[in-house]
Amino acid sequence: MSNLFDHLNKGIPDLHPYEPGRSIDEVVAEYKPEKVVKLASNENPLGPSPEAVKALKSHNDDLHLYPDGDSKKLKALIANHELLNPENIIIGNGSNEVLELAARAFLNKDSSALMSKHAFAVYKIVTQSSGSKIIEVPTNNWKHALNEFPRYLEDSTRVCFIANPNNPTGTYNTHQEFMSLMNSIPASVLVILDLAYFEYVTEKDYIKINELLDKYNNLLITKTFSKIQGLASLRIGYGLASKDLIGVLNKIRQPFNSNAIAQNAACLAILDHEHINKSIELNSQQRSYLMTRLIEMGLECIPSHGNFISFKGDFQADELFINLMKEGVIVRPIALYDMPEFIRVTVGTKEENDYFLLKLGQLL
């Protein structure tokens, strides 16, 4: 006799849930360190935009009202920011929801999705939960080998995920490398370009969004307010694509999927150029400082263009992770990404980074 769980969609029984970084409260409760520095989840160490914080104080008497179901004000501001039309934009409960909407629209038990090895874990989750086959392309020196992607395509491939820069490796692909891929991939395959860490890349040969969207109708670009704008707890992000593709995703988007507080905070954050520029400057300086110090300690680092660095050395990653927590430093082991020997550390403030380096040095 069959039971309820015999009829789960293909892929779900073997799926491992996403594992978030340890929270400050968890670490304090378990290890009781005198001080805690959280450098595990690629959050902005400067916090949210001061302007966005004002939005949290403006919702006193209207919490009983539903938010704008189409996020019209926020979409108008994003349209101005991205030099696009509002019809080319979809708002999500974090950019993760936009990834999930695309998977629901195009993936099923008869399809497959292409992605790089060591890429963001959510790509596997949304693919496998759709019952689809996962096709992984080996990296080239930890970087997405985009020139190899077409060779791995199958007749069943419907979606291709690309993170640029990639989490957790921090590597990035140039605009020309991505254009070459788009010119080599069938128009019947949806290419999802995840730009969660877009603002942290300072190289001049990086992605040019409008040039891509003007040329390719099978492209979906995702961005988030969780990183540079520091609104991770509010869960809000967006997707950019052709009017037709956005229309399809809106058909399956849940009503009122982004809350009013998140929408208003995002409206203010996207206009706070001072906070964004300060965040970029701090990250560039401290990422270079942290990389230099880690290398001086004899550790092997993957050159990063995000707000984090993954490194390995003469240590057991899981053991070091626990020992650092006991000292009040929360980092991230990344065995989940098939990199069991690596630790990923978020770039913090100078004080946070020095505290991490001090405790790391004591443990090595």
Foldseek 3Di string as FASTA:
>chain_A
DDDPVVPAFFLVVPDDDDDAFDDLVVLCVPQVAPAADEFAHQFQQVAADPQLVVLVVPPDPCPVDFADQQLVLLLVLVCVVLVHDSLQKGKALALLVVLLLVLVLWAALQAEEEEEFLFDPSNVVSRSSRNHHYHYDYADLLHNPLVCRLVRDDPRYAEYEAEAVGPPLQDGDFQVSVVVSQVRDDLNHAYEYEDAQVLLADDPRHHDPVVVQVPHQSYKYKYGCCHLNNPVVQRMIMIGHDSVVSVSSVVPDDGSRHGNSVSSSSSRSVPPVVSSVVSSVQQVVQVVVLVVLCVVVVWAWRDHSGQKIKIADPDFVVVLQVQVSSNNYHWAQVVVSVPRRIIMTGRHGPVSSVSSSVSSVVVD
